[in-house]
Amino acid sequence: MAVTFNGFGQKAIPFLKALDFHQSREWFQENRDLYERELYEPFGDLVETLSERFAAAGLGLRGDRKKSLFRINRDVRFSKDKRPYNSHLSAILSLDGTKVEQGVLFVYIGLDRCFAGVAWWQPGPELLQAMRKAIATKPAEFRSLVGTLKKAGLELDTEGCMKRAPRGFEHVKEADLAQAIRNRHFAVRHTIDPAGIHTPALVEELVDFTLRAKPLLGWGKAIQGMVSED
């Protein structure tokens, strides 16, 4: 049965604020109904509504409420920070509907910020090497991608960029290409106004963003396909 996203509850962000303050399993269990009603269930509706819209638009990204949402519980096994809960909830829509596939839409609703990203995020060594090679050997194609994204109001993210050229790419001297080759991922972001998460209009906002970012998905997918054929 088709679902419809009607917006996150008005208490979604206040819940995250209170959870961040209490950081208590007892408090969370006492307020689980609030969490599910205001945040978790609406997020599931958002993912499944977007999946339907993306299918109609030929984007191919999909997910569901069981596989796409990340747990609000933190993995504290290898962290000095032992707080048991995140102050955000997030989800991924991908080509195969899992969280491990590359070329995704990531949606983050948090106490600190709300945003979406279309990304090839920290791709494996083989795919990352192929992407860097594509930039170095087909600069016109890459610059065309950057120009198309720029016209759509988007820029490639440089977070986590290497300080030096990776081995084998030291010869690339043109500033824009050298910068891109140092990237560890290829992503664009869209800031979501927290006040706008409570209405169905968020769906249109995210569909529009993903359509504008579609060239990045296509660029990475073509390179991924060549890697898979090798």
C-alpha atoms as a PDB file:
ATOM      1  CA  MET A   1       0.000   0.000   0.000  1.00  0.00           C
ATOM      2  CA  ALA A   2       1.358   3.414  -0.997  1.00  0.00           C
ATOM      3  CA  VAL A   3       2.428   5.716   1.819  1.00  0.00           C
ATOM      4  CA  THR A   4       2.402   9.490   1.928  1.00  0.00           C
ATOM      5  CA  PHE A   5       4.834  11.738   3.760  1.00  0.00           C
ATOM      6  CA  ASN A   6       2.943  14.423   5.649  1.00  0.00           C
ATOM      7  CA  GLY A   7       5.912  15.969   7.432  1.00  0.00           C
ATOM      8  CA  PHE A   8       7.880  15.298  10.577  1.00  0.00           C
ATOM      9  CA  GLY A   9       6.081  15.969  13.827  1.00  0.00           C
ATOM     10  CA  GLN A  10       6.391  19.364  15.481  1.00  0.00           C
ATOM     11  CA  LYS A  11       8.142  17.671  18.399  1.00  0.00           C
ATOM     12  CA  ALA A  12      10.792  15.916  16.253  1.00  0.00           C
ATOM     13  CA  ILE A  13      13.603  18.397  16.940  1.00  0.00           C
ATOM     14  CA  PRO A  14      12.542  19.013  20.578  1.00  0.00           C
ATOM     15  CA  PHE A  15      12.683  15.228  21.058  1.00  0.00           C
ATOM     16  CA  LEU A  16      16.269  15.144  19.744  1.00  0.00           C
ATOM     17  CA  LYS A  17      17.170  18.036  22.035  1.00  0.00           C
ATOM     18  CA  ALA A  18      15.732  16.256  25.072  1.00  0.00           C
ATOM     19  CA  LEU A  19      17.395  12.966  24.109  1.00  0.00           C
ATOM     20  CA  ASP A  20      20.731  14.708  23.721  1.00  0.00           C
ATOM     21  CA  PHE A  21      20.306  16.147  27.212  1.00  0.00           C
ATOM     22  CA  HIS A  22      19.206  12.951  28.960  1.00  0.00           C
ATOM     23  CA  GLN A  23      21.262  10.351  27.052  1.00  0.00           C
ATOM     24  CA  SER A  24      19.481   7.693  29.054  1.00  0.00           C
ATOM     25  CA  ARG A  25      18.069   4.378  27.943  1.00  0.00           C
ATOM     26  CA  GLU A  26      15.377   4.707  30.593  1.00  0.00           C
ATOM     27  CA  TRP A  27      14.336   8.121  29.270  1.00  0.00           C
ATOM     28  CA  PHE A  28      14.355   6.876  25.681  1.00  0.00           C
ATOM     29  CA  GLN A  29      12.168   3.879  26.506  1.00  0.00           C
ATOM     30  CA  GLU A  30       9.718   6.111  28.358  1.00  0.00           C
ATOM     31  CA  ASN A  31       9.511   8.361  25.307  1.00  0.00           C
ATOM     32  CA  ARG A  32       9.754   5.755  22.540  1.00  0.00           C
ATOM     33  CA  ASP A  33       6.188   6.417  21.386  1.00  0.00           C
ATOM     34  CA  LEU A  34       7.061  10.070  20.876  1.00  0.00           C
ATOM     35  CA  TYR A  35      10.195   9.120  18.932  1.00  0.00           C
ATOM     36  CA  GLU A  36       8.310   6.748  16.655  1.00  0.00           C
ATOM     37  CA  ARG A  37       5.366   9.095  16.063  1.00  0.00           C
ATOM     38  CA  GLU A  38       7.268  12.350  15.548  1.00  0.00           C
ATOM     39  CA  LEU A  39      10.502  11.163  13.920  1.00  0.00           C
ATOM     40  CA  TYR A  40      10.945   7.497  13.003  1.00  0.00           C
ATOM     41  CA  GLU A  41       7.631   6.732  11.288  1.00  0.00           C
ATOM     42  CA  PRO A  42       7.589  10.021   9.330  1.00  0.00           C
ATOM     43  CA  PHE A  43      11.156   9.323   8.190  1.00  0.00           C
ATOM     44  CA  GLY A  44      10.054   5.927   6.925  1.00  0.00           C
ATOM     45  CA  ASP A  45       7.184   7.601   5.087  1.00  0.00           C
ATOM     46  CA  LEU A  46       9.631  10.090   3.563  1.00  0.00           C
ATOM     47  CA  VAL A  47      11.949   7.345   2.303  1.00  0.00           C
ATOM     48  CA  GLU A  48       9.134   5.348   0.745  1.00  0.00           C
ATOM     49  CA  THR A  49       7.462   8.402  -0.777  1.00  0.00           C
ATOM     50  CA  LEU A  50      10.775   9.469  -2.290  1.00  0.00           C
ATOM     51  CA  SER A  51      11.293   5.952  -3.645  1.00  0.00           C
ATOM     52  CA  GLU A  52       8.023   6.201  -5.548  1.00  0.00           C
ATOM     53  CA  ARG A  53       8.850   9.658  -6.875  1.00  0.00           C
ATOM     54  CA  PHE A  54      12.358   8.627  -7.901  1.00  0.00           C
ATOM     55  CA  ALA A  55      11.017   5.599  -9.746  1.00  0.00           C
ATOM     56  CA  ALA A  56       8.621   7.818 -11.693  1.00  0.00           C
ATOM     57  CA  ALA A  57      11.448  10.260 -12.475  1.00  0.00           C
ATOM     58  CA  GLY A  58      13.809   7.505 -13.643  1.00  0.00           C
ATOM     59  CA  LEU A  59      16.367   8.199 -10.942  1.00  0.00           C
ATOM     60  CA  GLY A  60      16.505   4.621  -9.717  1.00  0.00           C
ATOM     61  CA  LEU A  61      17.245   5.457  -6.081  1.00  0.00           C
ATOM     62  CA  ARG A  62      15.116   3.551  -3.611  1.00  0.00           C
ATOM     63  CA  GLY A  63      14.772   2.442  -0.020  1.00  0.00           C
ATOM     64  CA  ASP A  64      12.299   1.395   2.619  1.00  0.00           C
ATOM     65  CA  ARG A  65      11.646   2.013   6.289  1.00  0.00           C
ATOM     66  CA  LYS A  66      13.302  -1.230   7.378  1.00  0.00           C
ATOM     67  CA  LYS A  67      16.587  -1.057   5.453  1.00  0.00           C
ATOM     68  CA  SER A  68      17.263   2.614   4.810  1.00  0.00           C
ATOM     69  CA  LEU A  69      17.190   4.266   8.230  1.00  0.00           C
ATOM     70  CA  PHE A  70      20.254   4.304  10.446  1.00  0.00           C
ATOM     71  CA  ARG A  71      19.820   3.450  14.102  1.00  0.00           C
ATOM     72  CA  ILE A  72      19.590   6.310  16.538  1.00  0.00           C
ATOM     73  CA  ASN A  73      21.721   4.234  18.921  1.00  0.00           C
ATOM     74  CA  ARG A  74      25.422   5.044  18.736  1.00  0.00           C
ATOM     75  CA  ASP A  75      28.092   2.365  18.294  1.00  0.00           C
ATOM     76  CA  VAL A  76      30.283   3.138  21.289  1.00  0.00           C
ATOM     77  CA  ARG A  77      32.512   0.050  21.180  1.00  0.00           C
ATOM     78  CA  PHE A  78      35.550   1.879  19.809  1.00  0.00           C
ATOM     79  CA  SER A  79      34.706   5.415  20.870  1.00  0.00           C
ATOM     80  CA  LYS A  80      35.773   7.425  23.899  1.00  0.00           C
ATOM     81  CA  ASP A  81      32.377   9.121  23.693  1.00  0.00           C
ATOM     82  CA  LYS A  82      30.068   6.671  25.432  1.00  0.00           C
ATOM     83  CA  ARG A  83      26.814   8.568  24.986  1.00  0.00           C
ATOM     84  CA  PRO A  84      24.321   5.909  23.852  1.00  0.00           C
ATOM     85  CA  TYR A  85      22.250   7.996  21.400  1.00  0.00           C
ATOM     86  CA  ASN A  86      22.801  10.209  18.384  1.00  0.00           C
ATOM     87  CA  SER A  87      21.234  13.654  18.258  1.00  0.00           C
ATOM     88  CA  HIS A  88      20.109  13.002  14.691  1.00  0.00           C
ATOM     89  CA  LEU A  89      18.375  10.433  12.518  1.00  0.00           C
ATOM     90  CA  SER A  90      19.457   9.704   8.960  1.00  0.00           C
ATOM     91  CA  ALA A  91      18.702   7.492   5.987  1.00  0.00           C
ATOM     92  CA  ILE A  92      20.122   6.436   2.623  1.00  0.00           C
ATOM     93  CA  LEU A  93      18.367   5.754  -0.676  1.00  0.00           C
ATOM     94  CA  SER A  94      20.503   3.857  -3.178  1.00  0.00           C
ATOM     95  CA  LEU A  95      20.308   1.995  -6.477  1.00  0.00           C
ATOM     96  CA  ASP A  96      19.850  -1.372  -4.765  1.00  0.00           C
ATOM     97  CA  GLY A  97      18.008  -0.135  -1.685  1.00  0.00           C
ATOM     98  CA  THR A  98      20.839  -0.956   0.735  1.00  0.00           C
ATOM     99  CA  LYS A  99      23.175   1.238   2.756  1.00  0.00           C
ATOM    100  CA  VAL A 100      26.340  -0.268   1.225  1.00  0.00           C
ATOM    101  CA  GLU A 101      25.771   0.735  -2.407  1.00  0.00           C
ATOM    102  CA  GLN A 102      27.577   3.766  -3.864  1.00  0.00           C
ATOM    103  CA  GLY A 103      25.810   6.649  -5.601  1.00  0.00           C
ATOM    104  CA  VAL A 104      23.197   7.613  -3.003  1.00  0.00           C
ATOM    105  CA  LEU A 105      20.894  10.228  -1.548  1.00  0.00           C
ATOM    106  CA  PHE A 106      21.618  10.767   2.137  1.00  0.00           C
ATOM    107  CA  VAL A 107      19.101  12.620   4.311  1.00  0.00           C
ATOM    108  CA  TYR A 108      20.035  13.895   7.778  1.00  0.00           C
ATOM    109  CA  ILE A 109      17.600  15.388  10.278  1.00  0.00           C
ATOM    110  CA  GLY A 110      19.495  16.550  13.346  1.00  0.00           C
ATOM    111  CA  LEU A 111      19.652  18.822  16.310  1.00  0.00           C
ATOM    112  CA  ASP A 112      22.725  20.539  14.848  1.00  0.00           C
ATOM    113  CA  ARG A 113      21.506  20.798  11.233  1.00  0.00           C
ATOM    114  CA  CYS A 114      19.309  19.277   8.555  1.00  0.00           C
ATOM    115  CA  PHE A 115      20.674  18.515   5.100  1.00  0.00           C
ATOM    116  CA  ALA A 116      20.685  16.137   2.155  1.00  0.00           C
ATOM    117  CA  GLY A 117      23.578  14.932   0.044  1.00  0.00           C
ATOM    118  CA  VAL A 118      23.954  13.124  -3.246  1.00  0.00           C
ATOM    119  CA  ALA A 119      27.242  11.299  -3.074  1.00  0.00           C
ATOM    120  CA  TRP A 120      29.789   8.744  -4.044  1.00  0.00           C
ATOM    121  CA  TRP A 121      30.989   8.701  -0.459  1.00  0.00           C
ATOM    122  CA  GLN A 122      34.399   7.229   0.335  1.00  0.00           C
ATOM    123  CA  PRO A 123      34.269   4.769  -2.565  1.00  0.00           C
ATOM    124  CA  GLY A 124      36.509   1.726  -2.411  1.00  0.00           C
ATOM    125  CA  PRO A 125      40.120   2.012  -3.605  1.00  0.00           C
ATOM    126  CA  GLU A 126      39.444   0.624  -7.094  1.00  0.00           C
ATOM    127  CA  LEU A 127      36.495   2.895  -7.818  1.00  0.00           C
ATOM    128  CA  LEU A 128      38.187   5.953  -6.298  1.00  0.00           C
ATOM    129  CA  GLN A 129      41.293   5.304  -8.412  1.00  0.00           C
ATOM    130  CA  ALA A 130      39.120   5.041 -11.534  1.00  0.00           C
ATOM    131  CA  MET A 131      37.355   8.314 -10.699  1.00  0.00           C
ATOM    132  CA  ARG A 132      40.666  10.092 -10.246  1.00  0.00           C
ATOM    133  CA  LYS A 133      41.941   8.619 -13.500  1.00  0.00           C
ATOM    134  CA  ALA A 134      38.796   9.813 -15.283  1.00  0.00           C
ATOM    135  CA  ILE A 135      39.422  13.359 -14.036  1.00  0.00           C
ATOM    136  CA  ALA A 136      43.055  13.285 -15.174  1.00  0.00           C
ATOM    137  CA  THR A 137      42.468  11.687 -18.585  1.00  0.00           C
ATOM    138  CA  LYS A 138      39.095  13.222 -19.474  1.00  0.00           C
ATOM    139  CA  PRO A 139      39.322  16.733 -18.041  1.00  0.00           C
ATOM    140  CA  ALA A 140      36.786  18.232 -20.451  1.00  0.00           C
ATOM    141  CA  GLU A 141      34.179  15.696 -19.399  1.00  0.00           C
ATOM    142  CA  PHE A 142      34.798  16.366 -15.707  1.00  0.00           C
ATOM    143  CA  ARG A 143      34.736  20.136 -16.183  1.00  0.00           C
ATOM    144  CA  SER A 144      31.462  19.796 -18.050  1.00  0.00           C
ATOM    145  CA  LEU A 145      30.051  17.930 -15.039  1.00  0.00           C
ATOM    146  CA  VAL A 146      31.251  20.649 -12.659  1.00  0.00           C
ATOM    147  CA  GLY A 147      29.780  23.332 -14.904  1.00  0.00           C
ATOM    148  CA  THR A 148      26.422  21.569 -15.104  1.00  0.00           C
ATOM    149  CA  LEU A 149      26.298  21.218 -11.332  1.00  0.00           C
ATOM    150  CA  LYS A 150      27.253  24.861 -10.885  1.00  0.00           C
ATOM    151  CA  LYS A 151      24.422  25.976 -13.172  1.00  0.00           C
ATOM    152  CA  ALA A 152      22.118  23.941 -10.944  1.00  0.00           C
ATOM    153  CA  GLY A 153      23.422  25.761  -7.870  1.00  0.00           C
ATOM    154  CA  LEU A 154      25.599  22.886  -6.643  1.00  0.00           C
ATOM    155  CA  GLU A 155      29.306  22.519  -5.902  1.00  0.00           C
ATOM    156  CA  LEU A 156      31.405  19.467  -5.137  1.00  0.00           C
ATOM    157  CA  ASP A 157      32.140  19.079  -1.445  1.00  0.00           C
ATOM    158  CA  THR A 158      35.801  19.285  -0.412  1.00  0.00           C
ATOM    159  CA  GLU A 159      35.446  17.948   3.138  1.00  0.00           C
ATOM    160  CA  GLY A 160      38.229  15.509   3.976  1.00  0.00           C
ATOM    161  CA  CYS A 161      40.270  16.441   0.912  1.00  0.00           C
ATOM    162  CA  MET A 162      43.865  15.160   0.904  1.00  0.00           C
ATOM    163  CA  LYS A 163      46.558  17.775   1.421  1.00  0.00           C
ATOM    164  CA  ARG A 164      48.801  16.267  -1.247  1.00  0.00           C
ATOM    165  CA  ALA A 165      48.208  14.570  -4.559  1.00  0.00           C
ATOM    166  CA  PRO A 166      47.674  10.809  -4.271  1.00  0.00           C
ATOM    167  CA  ARG A 167      50.416   8.604  -5.653  1.00  0.00           C
ATOM    168  CA  GLY A 168      50.400   8.460  -9.437  1.00  0.00           C
ATOM    169  CA  PHE A 169      48.685  11.829  -9.906  1.00  0.00           C
ATOM    170  CA  GLU A 170      51.517  14.179  -9.011  1.00  0.00           C
ATOM    171  CA  HIS A 171      51.757  15.210 -12.682  1.00  0.00           C
ATOM    172  CA  VAL A 172      48.305  16.849 -12.658  1.00  0.00           C
ATOM    173  CA  LYS A 173      49.068  20.545 -12.166  1.00  0.00           C
ATOM    174  CA  GLU A 174      45.899  22.358 -13.257  1.00  0.00           C
ATOM    175  CA  ALA A 175      44.429  23.678 -10.026  1.00  0.00           C
ATOM    176  CA  ASP A 176      40.817  22.580 -10.480  1.00  0.00           C
ATOM    177  CA  LEU A 177      41.753  19.060 -11.550  1.00  0.00           C
ATOM    178  CA  ALA A 178      44.411  18.676  -8.852  1.00  0.00           C
ATOM    179  CA  GLN A 179      41.872  19.760  -6.234  1.00  0.00           C
ATOM    180  CA  ALA A 180      39.293  17.250  -7.466  1.00  0.00           C
ATOM    181  CA  ILE A 181      41.790  14.401  -7.578  1.00  0.00           C
ATOM    182  CA  ARG A 182      42.641  14.982  -3.914  1.00  0.00           C
ATOM    183  CA  ASN A 183      39.005  14.349  -2.959  1.00  0.00           C
ATOM    184  CA  ARG A 184      38.238  11.179  -1.052  1.00  0.00           C
ATOM    185  CA  HIS A 185      34.613  11.346  -2.156  1.00  0.00           C
ATOM    186  CA  PHE A 186      32.434  13.163  -4.669  1.00  0.00           C
ATOM    187  CA  ALA A 187      29.344  14.761  -3.195  1.00  0.00           C
ATOM    188  CA  VAL A 188      27.022  17.755  -3.354  1.00  0.00           C
ATOM    189  CA  ARG A 189      24.902  19.003  -0.468  1.00  0.00           C
ATOM    190  CA  HIS A 190      21.608  20.761   0.068  1.00  0.00           C
ATOM    191  CA  THR A 191      20.755  22.563   3.299  1.00  0.00           C
ATOM    192  CA  ILE A 192      17.267  21.867   4.624  1.00  0.00           C
ATOM    193  CA  ASP A 193      15.578  24.575   6.659  1.00  0.00           C
ATOM    194  CA  PRO A 194      14.559  22.855   9.938  1.00  0.00           C
ATOM    195  CA  ALA A 195      11.301  24.821   9.832  1.00  0.00           C
ATOM    196  CA  GLY A 196      10.474  23.114   6.536  1.00  0.00           C
ATOM    197  CA  ILE A 197      10.648  19.504   7.700  1.00  0.00           C
ATOM    198  CA  HIS A 198       7.087  19.528   9.023  1.00  0.00           C
ATOM    199  CA  THR A 199       5.275  19.683   5.671  1.00  0.00           C
ATOM    200  CA  PRO A 200       4.882  17.419   2.614  1.00  0.00           C
ATOM    201  CA  ALA A 201       6.753  20.071   0.596  1.00  0.00           C
ATOM    202  CA  LEU A 202       9.997  18.486   1.823  1.00  0.00           C
ATOM    203  CA  VAL A 203       9.432  15.730  -0.746  1.00  0.00           C
ATOM    204  CA  GLU A 204       9.396  18.203  -3.638  1.00  0.00           C
ATOM    205  CA  GLU A 205      12.482  19.915  -2.226  1.00  0.00           C
ATOM    206  CA  LEU A 206      14.440  16.672  -2.122  1.00  0.00           C
ATOM    207  CA  VAL A 207      13.232  15.490  -5.532  1.00  0.00           C
ATOM    208  CA  ASP A 208      14.307  18.816  -7.043  1.00  0.00           C
ATOM    209  CA  PHE A 209      17.719  18.593  -5.374  1.00  0.00           C
ATOM    210  CA  THR A 210      18.284  15.012  -6.524  1.00  0.00           C
ATOM    211  CA  LEU A 211      17.306  15.828 -10.103  1.00  0.00           C
ATOM    212  CA  ARG A 212      19.780  18.731 -10.093  1.00  0.00           C
ATOM    213  CA  ALA A 213      22.457  16.357  -8.782  1.00  0.00           C
ATOM    214  CA  LYS A 214      21.617  13.599 -11.282  1.00  0.00           C
ATOM    215  CA  PRO A 215      24.667  14.343 -13.502  1.00  0.00           C
ATOM    216  CA  LEU A 216      26.954  13.429 -10.580  1.00  0.00           C
ATOM    217  CA  LEU A 217      25.156  10.108 -10.177  1.00  0.00           C
ATOM    218  CA  GLY A 218      25.489   9.422 -13.902  1.00  0.00           C
ATOM    219  CA  TRP A 219      29.182  10.321 -13.988  1.00  0.00           C
ATOM    220  CA  GLY A 220      30.016   7.967 -11.148  1.00  0.00           C
ATOM    221  CA  LYS A 221      27.798   5.190 -12.439  1.00  0.00           C
ATOM    222  CA  ALA A 222      29.514   5.207 -15.837  1.00  0.00           C
ATOM    223  CA  ILE A 223      32.928   4.899 -14.184  1.00  0.00           C
ATOM    224  CA  GLN A 224      31.641   2.204 -11.824  1.00  0.00           C
ATOM    225  CA  GLY A 225      30.367   0.253 -14.824  1.00  0.00           C
ATOM    226  CA  MET A 226      33.800   0.306 -16.467  1.00  0.00           C
ATOM    227  CA  VAL A 227      35.439  -0.863 -13.233  1.00  0.00           C
ATOM    228  CA  SER A 228      32.943  -3.731 -12.981  1.00  0.00           C
ATOM    229  CA  GLU A 229      33.757  -4.843 -16.542  1.00  0.00           C
ATOM    230  CA  ASP A 230      37.503  -5.042 -15.900  1.00  0.00           C
END
